[in-house]
Protein backbone atom coordinates (compact mmCIF):
# COMPACT_ATOMS: atom_id res chain seq x y z
CA MET A 1 -255.77 70.48 105.31
CA VAL A 2 -256.11 66.83 104.52
CA TRP A 3 -259.64 65.79 104.49
CA ILE A 4 -259.11 62.04 103.94
CA THR A 5 -258.86 61.41 107.83
CA GLU A 6 -259.62 57.64 108.09
CA SER A 7 -257.39 55.27 109.71
CA ARG A 8 -256.89 53.58 106.38
CA PRO A 9 -256.47 56.65 103.83
CA SER A 10 -255.75 54.00 100.92
CA ALA A 11 -259.16 52.19 101.53
CA ALA A 12 -260.91 56.04 101.63
CA ILE A 13 -259.20 57.43 98.58
CA ARG A 14 -259.90 54.10 96.58
CA SER A 15 -263.94 54.55 97.66
CA LEU A 16 -263.81 58.06 96.75
CA VAL A 17 -262.40 57.62 93.27
CA GLU A 18 -264.52 54.37 92.63
CA GLN A 19 -267.99 56.37 93.67
CA ILE A 20 -266.57 59.48 91.38
CA ILE A 21 -266.05 57.04 88.55
CA ALA A 22 -269.20 55.24 88.78
CA ALA A 23 -271.14 58.58 89.02
CA GLY A 24 -269.20 59.86 85.89
CA GLN A 25 -268.94 63.36 87.75
CA LEU A 26 -266.74 64.99 90.02
CA SER A 27 -268.28 67.83 92.58
CA ARG A 28 -265.95 70.83 93.08
CA GLN A 29 -265.75 69.59 96.78
CA GLU A 30 -264.59 66.18 95.76
CA HIS A 31 -262.19 67.94 93.47
CA LEU A 32 -260.75 69.99 96.51
CA ARG A 33 -260.50 67.06 98.77
CA LEU A 34 -258.49 65.03 96.11
CA THR A 35 -256.06 67.91 95.10
CA SER A 36 -255.31 68.89 98.72
CA THR A 37 -254.80 65.58 99.58
CA ILE A 38 -252.35 65.10 96.85
CA LEU A 39 -250.76 68.54 97.28
CA ALA A 40 -250.61 68.13 101.21
CA ASP A 41 -248.25 64.71 100.47
CA TYR A 42 -250.07 62.95 103.31
CA GLN A 43 -247.81 60.11 103.14
CA LEU A 44 -249.65 58.70 99.91
CA SER A 45 -248.39 55.66 98.36
CA ALA A 46 -247.88 55.14 94.52
CA GLU A 47 -251.05 53.32 94.07
CA ASP A 48 -252.91 56.23 95.85
CA ARG A 49 -251.34 59.10 94.01
CA GLY A 50 -252.14 57.07 90.68
CA HIS A 51 -255.92 56.71 91.65
CA ILE A 52 -256.39 60.33 92.27
CA SER A 53 -254.22 61.40 89.15
CA ARG A 54 -256.59 58.83 87.06
CA VAL A 55 -259.54 60.93 88.44
CA LEU A 56 -257.94 64.30 87.46
CA ASP A 57 -256.77 63.15 84.18
CA TYR A 58 -260.25 61.79 83.10
CA VAL A 59 -261.57 65.38 84.20
CA GLN A 60 -259.02 66.96 81.65
CA ILE A 61 -260.07 64.24 78.81
CA GLY A 62 -263.82 65.02 79.40
CA ARG A 63 -264.24 61.08 80.62
CA LEU A 64 -265.77 62.89 83.93
CA ARG A 65 -267.65 65.95 84.23
CA LEU A 66 -267.07 68.71 86.95
CA ILE A 67 -270.05 69.75 88.52
CA ASP A 68 -270.85 72.62 91.04
């Protein structure tokens, strides 16, 4: 189940990551969206994987807050 369905997945991922970082929080739905994208290995570039990994790392170190 991959939810990044735009014709340009890199732009969609980059946009989502920027929104999340600007807000300083990550909803559970956004978390599911990012993790399912990276786990599905939907032809992600190294750059896209890096963007997603950065968000997940920020949650782990407390820089982003995970909300319901």
